[in-house]
């Protein structure tokens, strides 16, 4: 049986109101950053004004960074030593993922398990060119992270999976991750219709099926983290064909899935041992 370590519950992270709050309002978050990375005051101001709208899902600027979300991403990666990340949807999370990968690399002294092409690497796929460009600009400005990330743009389309409506990226990056962060695509950027159906509507919700298509290739120990998206998680659970365990972090509306199966062979066993080794 595979076990994973969960982030400790925290309740004292304050809501972000200003750019200064992002860095200074909580000691835990301050420890994760050595310099300011959230330094675009204009975007922050626009994002704050968007929160006055009735439906904050519809936004043309990045959302305010959620410090608790960032904390959970960092800790789930760091505590479980996952070093090959696939992220659906670029954003503040991209920066914290790269920070976590760098922290693990230091902890592990740059070691990694066999049959891993790009250790300590983040692959980002996004259907929004603006958000992808913004994240790329911030990430590439850092000498610590710019060599450990791949950016992949692809539009998203309405499709069917097991005869049920869903969405898919038209072009998917070639990667077999040990950690997947599901935070995209936005339902309001989906193209096309199938039988006149679309999720690009305020009454609908995200329903990505991409992970289901390469589930057979994922290795035991793979972790999936979602930011909300409960219907999409239920869709994945109902269509997965392997033994996934589900944990809901109700205190922050996060879902965790991890693949709990016997090792596929000696190389996967080495991979699982790497995850458990805290040195």
Foldseek 3Di string as FASTA:
>chain_A
DADADFDDDDDQQDDDDALVSQQPVDPLNVVLDPDDLSPDRVLQVQQVVLVVDPDSLDDPGDHDDDSVVLSRLLCRCQRQVWWFEEEEDDDPNVVSLLSSLLVSCVQVVNDAFPPADAGNAYEYEAQDPVRLVVRLVSQCVDPSRNVRYHYHYFAKEWDDDPNHIAIETPDDDDDQGLEYEYEDDRQLRYDDDDVNDGQNDPVHGHAHCHCQVCVVVHWANRKYKYQAPVVNVVNCVVRHDADWDWDAPVVRRMIMIGGHDDGPDDRSVRNSVSSVDRD
